[in-house]
Amino acid sequence: MNKAQIRVRRAHKTRQRITVLQVARLCVHRTPRHIYAQVIDPSGSRVLASASTLEAEVRKELKSGGNITAAGTIGKRIAEKAKAAGVTRVAFDRSGFKYHGRIKALADAARENGLDF
């Protein structure tokens, strides 16, 4: 198994556990250049809110989309958008990535701005 397959395997196990909880999930994906976040409803069929470093407003204020500062900004934006959609409680789905660096910065910013997980 290579590194990507191991990450996908970890992500699959986490998503199985989150499905049992029946709450919206905050799904995070990262690439070397960007970070993406989505709040998905409990059934998994609808995206309730999304934010990424590709958005025009975010690109204007950030120098790079692949650092901790950008992740914090996205965490703040996703929390605001989720609250506007009526979601305050979520399960954090890190998509198999380690809870460290950009993933941790996004989660901390989302918590500080009102999401409960």
PDB file of N, CA and C in Angstrom:
ATOM      1  N   MET A   1       0.843  -1.190   0.000  1.00  0.00           N
ATOM      2  CA  MET A   1       0.000   0.000   0.000  1.00  0.00           C
ATOM      3  C   MET A   1       0.882   1.244   0.000  1.00  0.00           C
ATOM      4  N   ASN A   2       0.493   2.196  -0.807  1.00  0.00           N
ATOM      5  CA  ASN A   2       1.243   3.443  -0.806  1.00  0.00           C
ATOM      6  C   ASN A   2       0.594   4.454   0.149  1.00  0.00           C
ATOM      7  N   LYS A   3       1.202   5.607   0.260  1.00  0.00           N
ATOM      8  CA  LYS A   3       0.779   6.621   1.218  1.00  0.00           C
ATOM      9  C   LYS A   3      -0.666   7.079   0.988  1.00  0.00           C
ATOM     10  N   ALA A   4      -1.034   7.278  -0.260  1.00  0.00           N
ATOM     11  CA  ALA A   4      -2.386   7.748  -0.584  1.00  0.00           C
ATOM     12  C   ALA A   4      -3.441   6.702  -0.231  1.00  0.00           C
ATOM     13  N   GLN A   5      -3.158   5.454  -0.500  1.00  0.00           N
ATOM     14  CA  GLN A   5      -4.099   4.383  -0.183  1.00  0.00           C
ATOM     15  C   GLN A   5      -4.302   4.256   1.327  1.00  0.00           C
ATOM     16  N   ILE A   6      -3.249   4.447   2.083  1.00  0.00           N
ATOM     17  CA  ILE A   6      -3.350   4.375   3.539  1.00  0.00           C
ATOM     18  C   ILE A   6      -4.214   5.514   4.063  1.00  0.00           C
ATOM     19  N   ARG A   7      -4.037   6.724   3.500  1.00  0.00           N
ATOM     20  CA  ARG A   7      -4.841   7.869   3.914  1.00  0.00           C
ATOM     21  C   ARG A   7      -6.314   7.643   3.610  1.00  0.00           C
ATOM     22  N   VAL A   8      -6.624   7.131   2.432  1.00  0.00           N
ATOM     23  CA  VAL A   8      -8.008   6.863   2.045  1.00  0.00           C
ATOM     24  C   VAL A   8      -8.623   5.799   2.947  1.00  0.00           C
ATOM     25  N   ARG A   9      -7.831   4.815   3.341  1.00  0.00           N
ATOM     26  CA  ARG A   9      -8.310   3.779   4.245  1.00  0.00           C
ATOM     27  C   ARG A   9      -8.668   4.369   5.608  1.00  0.00           C
ATOM     28  N   ARG A  10      -7.800   5.259   6.133  1.00  0.00           N
ATOM     29  CA  ARG A  10      -8.095   5.934   7.402  1.00  0.00           C
ATOM     30  C   ARG A  10      -9.355   6.774   7.278  1.00  0.00           C
ATOM     31  N   ALA A  11      -9.507   7.480   6.156  1.00  0.00           N
ATOM     32  CA  ALA A  11     -10.681   8.326   5.927  1.00  0.00           C
ATOM     33  C   ALA A  11     -11.953   7.493   5.915  1.00  0.00           C
ATOM     34  N   HIS A  12     -11.905   6.348   5.281  1.00  0.00           N
ATOM     35  CA  HIS A  12     -13.081   5.471   5.186  1.00  0.00           C
ATOM     36  C   HIS A  12     -13.525   5.000   6.568  1.00  0.00           C
ATOM     37  N   LYS A  13     -12.561   4.607   7.402  1.00  0.00           N
ATOM     38  CA  LYS A  13     -12.895   4.159   8.762  1.00  0.00           C
ATOM     39  C   LYS A  13     -13.528   5.286   9.567  1.00  0.00           C
ATOM     40  N   THR A  14     -12.990   6.478   9.435  1.00  0.00           N
ATOM     41  CA  THR A  14     -13.532   7.633  10.164  1.00  0.00           C
ATOM     42  C   THR A  14     -14.948   7.946   9.712  1.00  0.00           C
ATOM     43  N   ARG A  15     -15.185   7.913   8.413  1.00  0.00           N
ATOM     44  CA  ARG A  15     -16.526   8.221   7.888  1.00  0.00           C
ATOM     45  C   ARG A  15     -17.552   7.190   8.323  1.00  0.00           C
ATOM     46  N   GLN A  16     -17.160   5.935   8.471  1.00  0.00           N
ATOM     47  CA  GLN A  16     -18.078   4.921   8.971  1.00  0.00           C
ATOM     48  C   GLN A  16     -18.513   5.245  10.393  1.00  0.00           C
ATOM     49  N   ARG A  17     -17.581   5.706  11.211  1.00  0.00           N
ATOM     50  CA  ARG A  17     -17.914   6.059  12.591  1.00  0.00           C
ATOM     51  C   ARG A  17     -18.798   7.295  12.652  1.00  0.00           C
ATOM     52  N   ILE A  18     -18.530   8.267  11.778  1.00  0.00           N
ATOM     53  CA  ILE A  18     -19.317   9.511  11.756  1.00  0.00           C
ATOM     54  C   ILE A  18     -20.741   9.235  11.310  1.00  0.00           C
ATOM     55  N   THR A  19     -20.944   8.291  10.398  1.00  0.00           N
ATOM     56  CA  THR A  19     -22.277   7.958   9.900  1.00  0.00           C
ATOM     57  C   THR A  19     -23.195   7.521  11.038  1.00  0.00           C
ATOM     58  N   VAL A  20     -22.665   6.818  12.010  1.00  0.00           N
ATOM     59  CA  VAL A  20     -23.449   6.335  13.144  1.00  0.00           C
ATOM     60  C   VAL A  20     -23.950   7.501  13.995  1.00  0.00           C
ATOM     61  N   LEU A  21     -23.191   8.587  14.067  1.00  0.00           N
ATOM     62  CA  LEU A  21     -23.548   9.739  14.907  1.00  0.00           C
ATOM     63  C   LEU A  21     -24.778  10.500  14.407  1.00  0.00           C
ATOM     64  N   GLN A  22     -25.050  10.461  13.112  1.00  0.00           N
ATOM     65  CA  GLN A  22     -26.179  11.167  12.494  1.00  0.00           C
ATOM     66  C   GLN A  22     -26.144  12.679  12.763  1.00  0.00           C
ATOM     67  N   VAL A  23     -24.967  13.290  12.571  1.00  0.00           N
ATOM     68  CA  VAL A  23     -24.827  14.745  12.636  1.00  0.00           C
ATOM     69  C   VAL A  23     -24.137  15.208  11.358  1.00  0.00           C
ATOM     70  N   ALA A  24     -24.238  16.494  11.083  1.00  0.00           N
ATOM     71  CA  ALA A  24     -23.544  17.051   9.920  1.00  0.00           C
ATOM     72  C   ALA A  24     -22.044  16.876  10.122  1.00  0.00           C
ATOM     73  N   ARG A  25     -21.309  16.733   9.008  1.00  0.00           N
ATOM     74  CA  ARG A  25     -19.867  16.568   9.151  1.00  0.00           C
ATOM     75  C   ARG A  25     -19.122  17.690   8.445  1.00  0.00           C
ATOM     76  N   LEU A  26     -18.057  18.130   9.083  1.00  0.00           N
ATOM     77  CA  LEU A  26     -17.157  19.131   8.512  1.00  0.00           C
ATOM     78  C   LEU A  26     -16.022  18.365   7.856  1.00  0.00           C
ATOM     79  N   CYS A  27     -16.060  18.286   6.537  1.00  0.00           N
ATOM     80  CA  CYS A  27     -15.102  17.514   5.764  1.00  0.00           C
ATOM     81  C   CYS A  27     -14.012  18.451   5.242  1.00  0.00           C
ATOM     82  N   VAL A  28     -12.760  18.089   5.471  1.00  0.00           N
ATOM     83  CA  VAL A  28     -11.623  18.928   5.095  1.00  0.00           C
ATOM     84  C   VAL A  28     -10.747  18.170   4.107  1.00  0.00           C
ATOM     85  N   HIS A  29     -10.273  18.875   3.085  1.00  0.00           N
ATOM     86  CA  HIS A  29      -9.320  18.301   2.143  1.00  0.00           C
ATOM     87  C   HIS A  29      -8.218  19.321   1.926  1.00  0.00           C
ATOM     88  N   ARG A  30      -6.990  18.830   1.815  1.00  0.00           N
ATOM     89  CA  ARG A  30      -5.891  19.756   1.580  1.00  0.00           C
ATOM     90  C   ARG A  30      -5.005  19.276   0.446  1.00  0.00           C
ATOM     91  N   THR A  31      -4.459  20.220  -0.266  1.00  0.00           N
ATOM     92  CA  THR A  31      -3.453  19.964  -1.279  1.00  0.00           C
ATOM     93  C   THR A  31      -2.274  20.872  -0.940  1.00  0.00           C
ATOM     94  N   PRO A  32      -1.153  20.731  -1.588  1.00  0.00           N
ATOM     95  CA  PRO A  32      -0.034  21.619  -1.260  1.00  0.00           C
ATOM     96  C   PRO A  32      -0.342  23.109  -1.477  1.00  0.00           C
ATOM     97  N   ARG A  33      -1.235  23.433  -2.394  1.00  0.00           N
ATOM     98  CA  ARG A  33      -1.538  24.842  -2.684  1.00  0.00           C
ATOM     99  C   ARG A  33      -2.816  25.379  -2.054  1.00  0.00           C
ATOM    100  N   HIS A  34      -3.777  24.525  -1.738  1.00  0.00           N
ATOM    101  CA  HIS A  34      -5.084  24.987  -1.287  1.00  0.00           C
ATOM    102  C   HIS A  34      -5.625  24.112  -0.163  1.00  0.00           C
ATOM    103  N   ILE A  35      -6.671  24.633   0.491  1.00  0.00           N
ATOM    104  CA  ILE A  35      -7.397  23.878   1.509  1.00  0.00           C
ATOM    105  C   ILE A  35      -8.888  24.099   1.284  1.00  0.00           C
ATOM    106  N   TYR A  36      -9.660  23.046   1.441  1.00  0.00           N
ATOM    107  CA  TYR A  36     -11.093  23.079   1.169  1.00  0.00           C
ATOM    108  C   TYR A  36     -11.844  22.544   2.386  1.00  0.00           C
ATOM    109  N   ALA A  37     -13.027  23.108   2.661  1.00  0.00           N
ATOM    110  CA  ALA A  37     -13.856  22.618   3.757  1.00  0.00           C
ATOM    111  C   ALA A  37     -15.318  22.633   3.320  1.00  0.00           C
ATOM    112  N   GLN A  38     -16.050  21.594   3.717  1.00  0.00           N
ATOM    113  CA  GLN A  38     -17.472  21.497   3.407  1.00  0.00           C
ATOM    114  C   GLN A  38     -18.219  20.996   4.629  1.00  0.00           C
ATOM    115  N   VAL A  39     -19.411  21.523   4.837  1.00  0.00           N
ATOM    116  CA  VAL A  39     -20.312  20.972   5.850  1.00  0.00           C
ATOM    117  C   VAL A  39     -21.373  20.196   5.084  1.00  0.00           C
ATOM    118  N   ILE A  40     -21.434  18.886   5.345  1.00  0.00           N
ATOM    119  CA  ILE A  40     -22.314  17.985   4.615  1.00  0.00           C
ATOM    120  C   ILE A  40     -23.391  17.484   5.578  1.00  0.00           C
ATOM    121  N   ASP A  41     -24.641  17.425   5.097  1.00  0.00           N
ATOM    122  CA  ASP A  41     -25.758  17.003   5.954  1.00  0.00           C
ATOM    123  C   ASP A  41     -25.597  15.533   6.376  1.00  0.00           C
ATOM    124  N   PRO A  42     -26.326  15.112   7.419  1.00  0.00           N
ATOM    125  CA  PRO A  42     -26.143  13.750   7.960  1.00  0.00           C
ATOM    126  C   PRO A  42     -26.354  12.623   6.954  1.00  0.00           C
ATOM    127  N   SER A  43     -27.229  12.837   5.970  1.00  0.00           N
ATOM    128  CA  SER A  43     -27.456  11.781   4.990  1.00  0.00           C
ATOM    129  C   SER A  43     -26.314  11.686   3.980  1.00  0.00           C
ATOM    130  N   GLY A  44     -25.505  12.721   3.879  1.00  0.00           N
ATOM    131  CA  GLY A  44     -24.378  12.726   2.954  1.00  0.00           C
ATOM    132  C   GLY A  44     -24.746  13.118   1.544  1.00  0.00           C
ATOM    133  N   SER A  45     -25.964  13.606   1.347  1.00  0.00           N
ATOM    134  CA  SER A  45     -26.410  13.903  -0.008  1.00  0.00           C
ATOM    135  C   SER A  45     -26.356  15.387  -0.381  1.00  0.00           C
ATOM    136  N   ARG A  46     -26.227  16.272   0.614  1.00  0.00           N
ATOM    137  CA  ARG A  46     -26.246  17.714   0.327  1.00  0.00           C
ATOM    138  C   ARG A  46     -25.100  18.425   1.029  1.00  0.00           C
ATOM    139  N   VAL A  47     -24.514  19.385   0.321  1.00  0.00           N
ATOM    140  CA  VAL A  47     -23.506  20.256   0.926  1.00  0.00           C
ATOM    141  C   VAL A  47     -24.240  21.473   1.461  1.00  0.00           C
ATOM    142  N   LEU A  48     -24.132  21.712   2.762  1.00  0.00           N
ATOM    143  CA  LEU A  48     -24.827  22.820   3.400  1.00  0.00           C
ATOM    144  C   LEU A  48     -24.019  24.106   3.354  1.00  0.00           C
ATOM    145  N   ALA A  49     -22.692  24.008   3.412  1.00  0.00           N
ATOM    146  CA  ALA A  49     -21.815  25.175   3.358  1.00  0.00           C
ATOM    147  C   ALA A  49     -20.447  24.719   2.862  1.00  0.00           C
ATOM    148  N   SER A  50     -19.757  25.622   2.180  1.00  0.00           N
ATOM    149  CA  SER A  50     -18.410  25.288   1.722  1.00  0.00           C
ATOM    150  C   SER A  50     -17.542  26.536   1.707  1.00  0.00           C
ATOM    151  N   ALA A  51     -16.243  26.321   1.849  1.00  0.00           N
ATOM    152  CA  ALA A  51     -15.266  27.408   1.791  1.00  0.00           C
ATOM    153  C   ALA A  51     -13.948  26.831   1.306  1.00  0.00           C
ATOM    154  N   SER A  52     -13.206  27.618   0.554  1.00  0.00           N
ATOM    155  CA  SER A  52     -11.893  27.171   0.099  1.00  0.00           C
ATOM    156  C   SER A  52     -11.025  28.373  -0.214  1.00  0.00           C
ATOM    157  N   THR A  53      -9.748  28.117  -0.391  1.00  0.00           N
ATOM    158  CA  THR A  53      -8.817  29.201  -0.720  1.00  0.00           C
ATOM    159  C   THR A  53      -8.919  29.599  -2.189  1.00  0.00           C
ATOM    160  N   LEU A  54      -9.792  28.962  -2.937  1.00  0.00           N
ATOM    161  CA  LEU A  54     -10.010  29.339  -4.329  1.00  0.00           C
ATOM    162  C   LEU A  54     -11.039  30.459  -4.484  1.00  0.00           C
ATOM    163  N   GLU A  55     -11.766  30.783  -3.414  1.00  0.00           N
ATOM    164  CA  GLU A  55     -12.777  31.840  -3.487  1.00  0.00           C
ATOM    165  C   GLU A  55     -12.101  33.187  -3.718  1.00  0.00           C
ATOM    166  N   ALA A  56     -12.737  34.023  -4.520  1.00  0.00           N
ATOM    167  CA  ALA A  56     -12.154  35.308  -4.908  1.00  0.00           C
ATOM    168  C   ALA A  56     -11.865  36.207  -3.705  1.00  0.00           C
ATOM    169  N   GLU A  57     -12.791  36.266  -2.744  1.00  0.00           N
ATOM    170  CA  GLU A  57     -12.593  37.133  -1.579  1.00  0.00           C
ATOM    171  C   GLU A  57     -11.394  36.681  -0.750  1.00  0.00           C
ATOM    172  N   VAL A  58     -11.228  35.377  -0.640  1.00  0.00           N
ATOM    173  CA  VAL A  58     -10.130  34.815   0.151  1.00  0.00           C
ATOM    174  C   VAL A  58      -8.801  35.026  -0.558  1.00  0.00           C
ATOM    175  N   ARG A  59      -8.778  34.850  -1.866  1.00  0.00           N
ATOM    176  CA  ARG A  59      -7.541  34.998  -2.631  1.00  0.00           C
ATOM    177  C   ARG A  59      -6.994  36.412  -2.556  1.00  0.00           C
ATOM    178  N   LYS A  60      -7.901  37.410  -2.453  1.00  0.00           N
ATOM    179  CA  LYS A  60      -7.457  38.798  -2.373  1.00  0.00           C
ATOM    180  C   LYS A  60      -6.691  39.082  -1.083  1.00  0.00           C
ATOM    181  N   GLU A  61      -7.138  38.463   0.021  1.00  0.00           N
ATOM    182  CA  GLU A  61      -6.536  38.779   1.311  1.00  0.00           C
ATOM    183  C   GLU A  61      -5.372  37.870   1.701  1.00  0.00           C
ATOM    184  N   LEU A  62      -5.186  36.754   0.998  1.00  0.00           N
ATOM    185  CA  LEU A  62      -4.114  35.818   1.338  1.00  0.00           C
ATOM    186  C   LEU A  62      -2.995  35.854   0.315  1.00  0.00           C
ATOM    187  N   LYS A  63      -1.782  35.684   0.814  1.00  0.00           N
ATOM    188  CA  LYS A  63      -0.628  35.623  -0.074  1.00  0.00           C
ATOM    189  C   LYS A  63      -0.496  34.231  -0.689  1.00  0.00           C
ATOM    190  N   SER A  64      -0.763  33.198   0.146  1.00  0.00           N
ATOM    191  CA  SER A  64      -0.670  31.814  -0.304  1.00  0.00           C
ATOM    192  C   SER A  64      -1.848  31.031   0.256  1.00  0.00           C
ATOM    193  N   GLY A  65      -2.318  30.049  -0.474  1.00  0.00           N
ATOM    194  CA  GLY A  65      -3.438  29.240  -0.017  1.00  0.00           C
ATOM    195  C   GLY A  65      -3.014  27.976   0.695  1.00  0.00           C
ATOM    196  N   GLY A  66      -1.719  27.714   0.779  1.00  0.00           N
ATOM    197  CA  GLY A  66      -1.237  26.464   1.342  1.00  0.00           C
ATOM    198  C   GLY A  66      -0.494  26.614   2.648  1.00  0.00           C
ATOM    199  N   ASN A  67      -0.933  27.535   3.515  1.00  0.00           N
ATOM    200  CA  ASN A  67      -0.243  27.692   4.800  1.00  0.00           C
ATOM    201  C   ASN A  67      -1.244  27.745   5.958  1.00  0.00           C
ATOM    202  N   ILE A  68      -0.742  27.849   7.175  1.00  0.00           N
ATOM    203  CA  ILE A  68      -1.588  27.823   8.371  1.00  0.00           C
ATOM    204  C   ILE A  68      -2.499  29.046   8.433  1.00  0.00           C
ATOM    205  N   THR A  69      -2.024  30.186   7.985  1.00  0.00           N
ATOM    206  CA  THR A  69      -2.852  31.393   7.973  1.00  0.00           C
ATOM    207  C   THR A  69      -4.082  31.202   7.096  1.00  0.00           C
ATOM    208  N   ALA A  70      -3.880  30.621   5.925  1.00  0.00           N
ATOM    209  CA  ALA A  70      -4.990  30.358   5.009  1.00  0.00           C
ATOM    210  C   ALA A  70      -5.974  29.366   5.626  1.00  0.00           C
ATOM    211  N   ALA A  71      -5.456  28.355   6.306  1.00  0.00           N
ATOM    212  CA  ALA A  71      -6.322  27.362   6.942  1.00  0.00           C
ATOM    213  C   ALA A  71      -7.169  28.002   8.030  1.00  0.00           C
ATOM    214  N   GLY A  72      -6.593  28.905   8.804  1.00  0.00           N
ATOM    215  CA  GLY A  72      -7.349  29.617   9.830  1.00  0.00           C
ATOM    216  C   GLY A  72      -8.456  30.466   9.235  1.00  0.00           C
ATOM    217  N   THR A  73      -8.164  31.122   8.133  1.00  0.00           N
ATOM    218  CA  THR A  73      -9.171  31.933   7.445  1.00  0.00           C
ATOM    219  C   THR A  73     -10.321  31.067   6.951  1.00  0.00           C
ATOM    220  N   ILE A  74     -10.015  29.923   6.387  1.00  0.00           N
ATOM    221  CA  ILE A  74     -11.049  29.017   5.883  1.00  0.00           C
ATOM    222  C   ILE A  74     -11.871  28.455   7.036  1.00  0.00           C
ATOM    223  N   GLY A  75     -11.232  28.156   8.158  1.00  0.00           N
ATOM    224  CA  GLY A  75     -11.957  27.689   9.338  1.00  0.00           C
ATOM    225  C   GLY A  75     -12.961  28.714   9.820  1.00  0.00           C
ATOM    226  N   LYS A  76     -12.559  29.975   9.816  1.00  0.00           N
ATOM    227  CA  LYS A  76     -13.460  31.061  10.229  1.00  0.00           C
ATOM    228  C   LYS A  76     -14.627  31.185   9.252  1.00  0.00           C
ATOM    229  N   ARG A  77     -14.330  31.155   7.949  1.00  0.00           N
ATOM    230  CA  ARG A  77     -15.381  31.302   6.928  1.00  0.00           C
ATOM    231  C   ARG A  77     -16.372  30.141   6.953  1.00  0.00           C
ATOM    232  N   ILE A  78     -15.879  28.918   7.127  1.00  0.00           N
ATOM    233  CA  ILE A  78     -16.790  27.776   7.123  1.00  0.00           C
ATOM    234  C   ILE A  78     -17.685  27.809   8.349  1.00  0.00           C
ATOM    235  N   ALA A  79     -17.164  28.273   9.482  1.00  0.00           N
ATOM    236  CA  ALA A  79     -17.988  28.381  10.690  1.00  0.00           C
ATOM    237  C   ALA A  79     -19.098  29.408  10.494  1.00  0.00           C
ATOM    238  N   GLU A  80     -18.768  30.546   9.893  1.00  0.00           N
ATOM    239  CA  GLU A  80     -19.777  31.586   9.633  1.00  0.00           C
ATOM    240  C   GLU A  80     -20.842  31.087   8.666  1.00  0.00           C
ATOM    241  N   LYS A  81     -20.414  30.417   7.602  1.00  0.00           N
ATOM    242  CA  LYS A  81     -21.369  29.910   6.609  1.00  0.00           C
ATOM    243  C   LYS A  81     -22.242  28.796   7.188  1.00  0.00           C
ATOM    244  N   ALA A  82     -21.665  27.952   8.022  1.00  0.00           N
ATOM    245  CA  ALA A  82     -22.442  26.869   8.641  1.00  0.00           C
ATOM    246  C   ALA A  82     -23.482  27.434   9.600  1.00  0.00           C
ATOM    247  N   LYS A  83     -23.106  28.437  10.390  1.00  0.00           N
ATOM    248  CA  LYS A  83     -24.070  29.056  11.297  1.00  0.00           C
ATOM    249  C   LYS A  83     -25.186  29.731  10.511  1.00  0.00           C
ATOM    250  N   ALA A  84     -24.863  30.339   9.384  1.00  0.00           N
ATOM    251  CA  ALA A  84     -25.886  30.958   8.530  1.00  0.00           C
ATOM    252  C   ALA A  84     -26.837  29.898   7.971  1.00  0.00           C
ATOM    253  N   ALA A  85     -26.344  28.682   7.758  1.00  0.00           N
ATOM    254  CA  ALA A  85     -27.172  27.584   7.256  1.00  0.00           C
ATOM    255  C   ALA A  85     -27.918  26.871   8.374  1.00  0.00           C
ATOM    256  N   GLY A  86     -27.685  27.286   9.622  1.00  0.00           N
ATOM    257  CA  GLY A  86     -28.391  26.703  10.751  1.00  0.00           C
ATOM    258  C   GLY A  86     -27.710  25.505  11.379  1.00  0.00           C
ATOM    259  N   VAL A  87     -26.426  25.325  11.121  1.00  0.00           N
ATOM    260  CA  VAL A  87     -25.685  24.193  11.668  1.00  0.00           C
ATOM    261  C   VAL A  87     -24.694  24.705  12.709  1.00  0.00           C
ATOM    262  N   THR A  88     -24.760  24.156  13.923  1.00  0.00           N
ATOM    263  CA  THR A  88     -23.788  24.530  14.949  1.00  0.00           C
ATOM    264  C   THR A  88     -23.008  23.323  15.453  1.00  0.00           C
ATOM    265  N   ARG A  89     -23.585  22.131  15.339  1.00  0.00           N
ATOM    266  CA  ARG A  89     -22.916  20.914  15.807  1.00  0.00           C
ATOM    267  C   ARG A  89     -22.525  20.063  14.605  1.00  0.00           C
ATOM    268  N   VAL A  90     -21.247  19.709  14.529  1.00  0.00           N
ATOM    269  CA  VAL A  90     -20.731  18.902  13.427  1.00  0.00           C
ATOM    270  C   VAL A  90     -19.781  17.837  13.964  1.00  0.00           C
ATOM    271  N   ALA A  91     -19.486  16.863  13.128  1.00  0.00           N
ATOM    272  CA  ALA A  91     -18.429  15.889  13.392  1.00  0.00           C
ATOM    273  C   ALA A  91     -17.273  16.256  12.465  1.00  0.00           C
ATOM    274  N   PHE A  92     -16.062  16.264  12.981  1.00  0.00           N
ATOM    275  CA  PHE A  92     -14.905  16.684  12.194  1.00  0.00           C
ATOM    276  C   PHE A  92     -14.345  15.509  11.407  1.00  0.00           C
ATOM    277  N   ASP A  93     -14.393  15.619  10.084  1.00  0.00           N
ATOM    278  CA  ASP A  93     -13.876  14.592   9.179  1.00  0.00           C
ATOM    279  C   ASP A  93     -12.596  15.141   8.550  1.00  0.00           C
ATOM    280  N   ARG A  94     -11.460  14.646   8.999  1.00  0.00           N
ATOM    281  CA  ARG A  94     -10.183  15.164   8.513  1.00  0.00           C
ATOM    282  C   ARG A  94      -9.690  14.446   7.257  1.00  0.00           C
ATOM    283  N   SER A  95     -10.513  13.573   6.700  1.00  0.00           N
ATOM    284  CA  SER A  95     -10.219  12.858   5.452  1.00  0.00           C
ATOM    285  C   SER A  95      -8.932  12.049   5.497  1.00  0.00           C
ATOM    286  N   GLY A  96      -8.599  11.507   6.657  1.00  0.00           N
ATOM    287  CA  GLY A  96      -7.415  10.676   6.783  1.00  0.00           C
ATOM    288  C   GLY A  96      -6.126  11.440   6.997  1.00  0.00           C
ATOM    289  N   PHE A  97      -6.170  12.776   6.970  1.00  0.00           N
ATOM    290  CA  PHE A  97      -4.965  13.569   7.202  1.00  0.00           C
ATOM    291  C   PHE A  97      -4.682  13.632   8.701  1.00  0.00           C
ATOM    292  N   LYS A  98      -3.419  13.777   9.066  1.00  0.00           N
ATOM    293  CA  LYS A  98      -3.056  13.894  10.475  1.00  0.00           C
ATOM    294  C   LYS A  98      -3.616  15.190  11.053  1.00  0.00           C
ATOM    295  N   TYR A  99      -4.021  15.135  12.313  1.00  0.00           N
ATOM    296  CA  TYR A  99      -4.536  16.322  13.002  1.00  0.00           C
ATOM    297  C   TYR A  99      -3.333  17.139  13.461  1.00  0.00           C
ATOM    298  N   HIS A 100      -2.795  17.914  12.522  1.00  0.00           N
ATOM    299  CA  HIS A 100      -1.565  18.642  12.756  1.00  0.00           C
ATOM    300  C   HIS A 100      -1.460  19.740  11.709  1.00  0.00           C
ATOM    301  N   GLY A 101      -0.814  20.836  12.020  1.00  0.00           N
ATOM    302  CA  GLY A 101      -0.560  21.874  11.030  1.00  0.00           C
ATOM    303  C   GLY A 101      -1.816  22.545  10.528  1.00  0.00           C
ATOM    304  N   ARG A 102      -2.027  22.490   9.213  1.00  0.00           N
ATOM    305  CA  ARG A 102      -3.160  23.189   8.593  1.00  0.00           C
ATOM    306  C   ARG A 102      -4.506  22.619   9.011  1.00  0.00           C
ATOM    307  N   ILE A 103      -4.590  21.314   9.170  1.00  0.00           N
ATOM    308  CA  ILE A 103      -5.850  20.686   9.585  1.00  0.00           C
ATOM    309  C   ILE A 103      -6.216  21.157  10.989  1.00  0.00           C
ATOM    310  N   LYS A 104      -5.246  21.190  11.883  1.00  0.00           N
ATOM    311  CA  LYS A 104      -5.483  21.644  13.253  1.00  0.00           C
ATOM    312  C   LYS A 104      -5.843  23.121  13.282  1.00  0.00           C
ATOM    313  N   ALA A 105      -5.175  23.939  12.481  1.00  0.00           N
ATOM    314  CA  ALA A 105      -5.466  25.376  12.434  1.00  0.00           C
ATOM    315  C   ALA A 105      -6.892  25.632  11.965  1.00  0.00           C
ATOM    316  N   LEU A 106      -7.341  24.889  10.957  1.00  0.00           N
ATOM    317  CA  LEU A 106      -8.712  25.028  10.466  1.00  0.00           C
ATOM    318  C   LEU A 106      -9.707  24.632  11.550  1.00  0.00           C
ATOM    319  N   ALA A 107      -9.459  23.523  12.228  1.00  0.00           N
ATOM    320  CA  ALA A 107     -10.369  23.049  13.272  1.00  0.00           C
ATOM    321  C   ALA A 107     -10.440  24.042  14.435  1.00  0.00           C
ATOM    322  N   ASP A 108      -9.302  24.559  14.857  1.00  0.00           N
ATOM    323  CA  ASP A 108      -9.279  25.520  15.960  1.00  0.00           C
ATOM    324  C   ASP A 108     -10.032  26.802  15.596  1.00  0.00           C
ATOM    325  N   ALA A 109      -9.836  27.299  14.376  1.00  0.00           N
ATOM    326  CA  ALA A 109     -10.533  28.513  13.936  1.00  0.00           C
ATOM    327  C   ALA A 109     -12.041  28.289  13.852  1.00  0.00           C
ATOM    328  N   ALA A 110     -12.442  27.122  13.393  1.00  0.00           N
ATOM    329  CA  ALA A 110     -13.873  26.805  13.304  1.00  0.00           C
ATOM    330  C   ALA A 110     -14.503  26.741  14.701  1.00  0.00           C
ATOM    331  N   ARG A 111     -13.780  26.148  15.652  1.00  0.00           N
ATOM    332  CA  ARG A 111     -14.279  26.082  17.029  1.00  0.00           C
ATOM    333  C   ARG A 111     -14.408  27.475  17.649  1.00  0.00           C
ATOM    334  N   GLU A 112     -13.395  28.311  17.435  1.00  0.00           N
ATOM    335  CA  GLU A 112     -13.405  29.667  17.995  1.00  0.00           C
ATOM    336  C   GLU A 112     -14.553  30.500  17.444  1.00  0.00           C
ATOM    337  N   ASN A 113     -14.999  30.175  16.232  1.00  0.00           N
ATOM    338  CA  ASN A 113     -16.053  30.954  15.600  1.00  0.00           C
ATOM    339  C   ASN A 113     -17.423  30.306  15.686  1.00  0.00           C
ATOM    340  N   GLY A 114     -17.602  29.351  16.611  1.00  0.00           N
ATOM    341  CA  GLY A 114     -18.942  28.896  16.920  1.00  0.00           C
ATOM    342  C   GLY A 114     -19.350  27.493  16.545  1.00  0.00           C
ATOM    343  N   LEU A 115     -18.510  26.731  15.850  1.00  0.00           N
ATOM    344  CA  LEU A 115     -18.877  25.353  15.544  1.00  0.00           C
ATOM    345  C   LEU A 115     -18.528  24.468  16.738  1.00  0.00           C
ATOM    346  N   ASP A 116     -19.400  23.513  17.023  1.00  0.00           N
ATOM    347  CA  ASP A 116     -19.212  22.616  18.164  1.00  0.00           C
ATOM    348  C   ASP A 116     -18.892  21.216  17.661  1.00  0.00           C
ATOM    349  N   PHE A 117     -17.677  20.748  17.942  1.00  0.00           N
ATOM    350  CA  PHE A 117     -17.298  19.362  17.609  1.00  0.00           C
ATOM    351  C   PHE A 117     -16.195  18.891  18.519  1.00  0.00           C
TER     352      PHE A 117
END
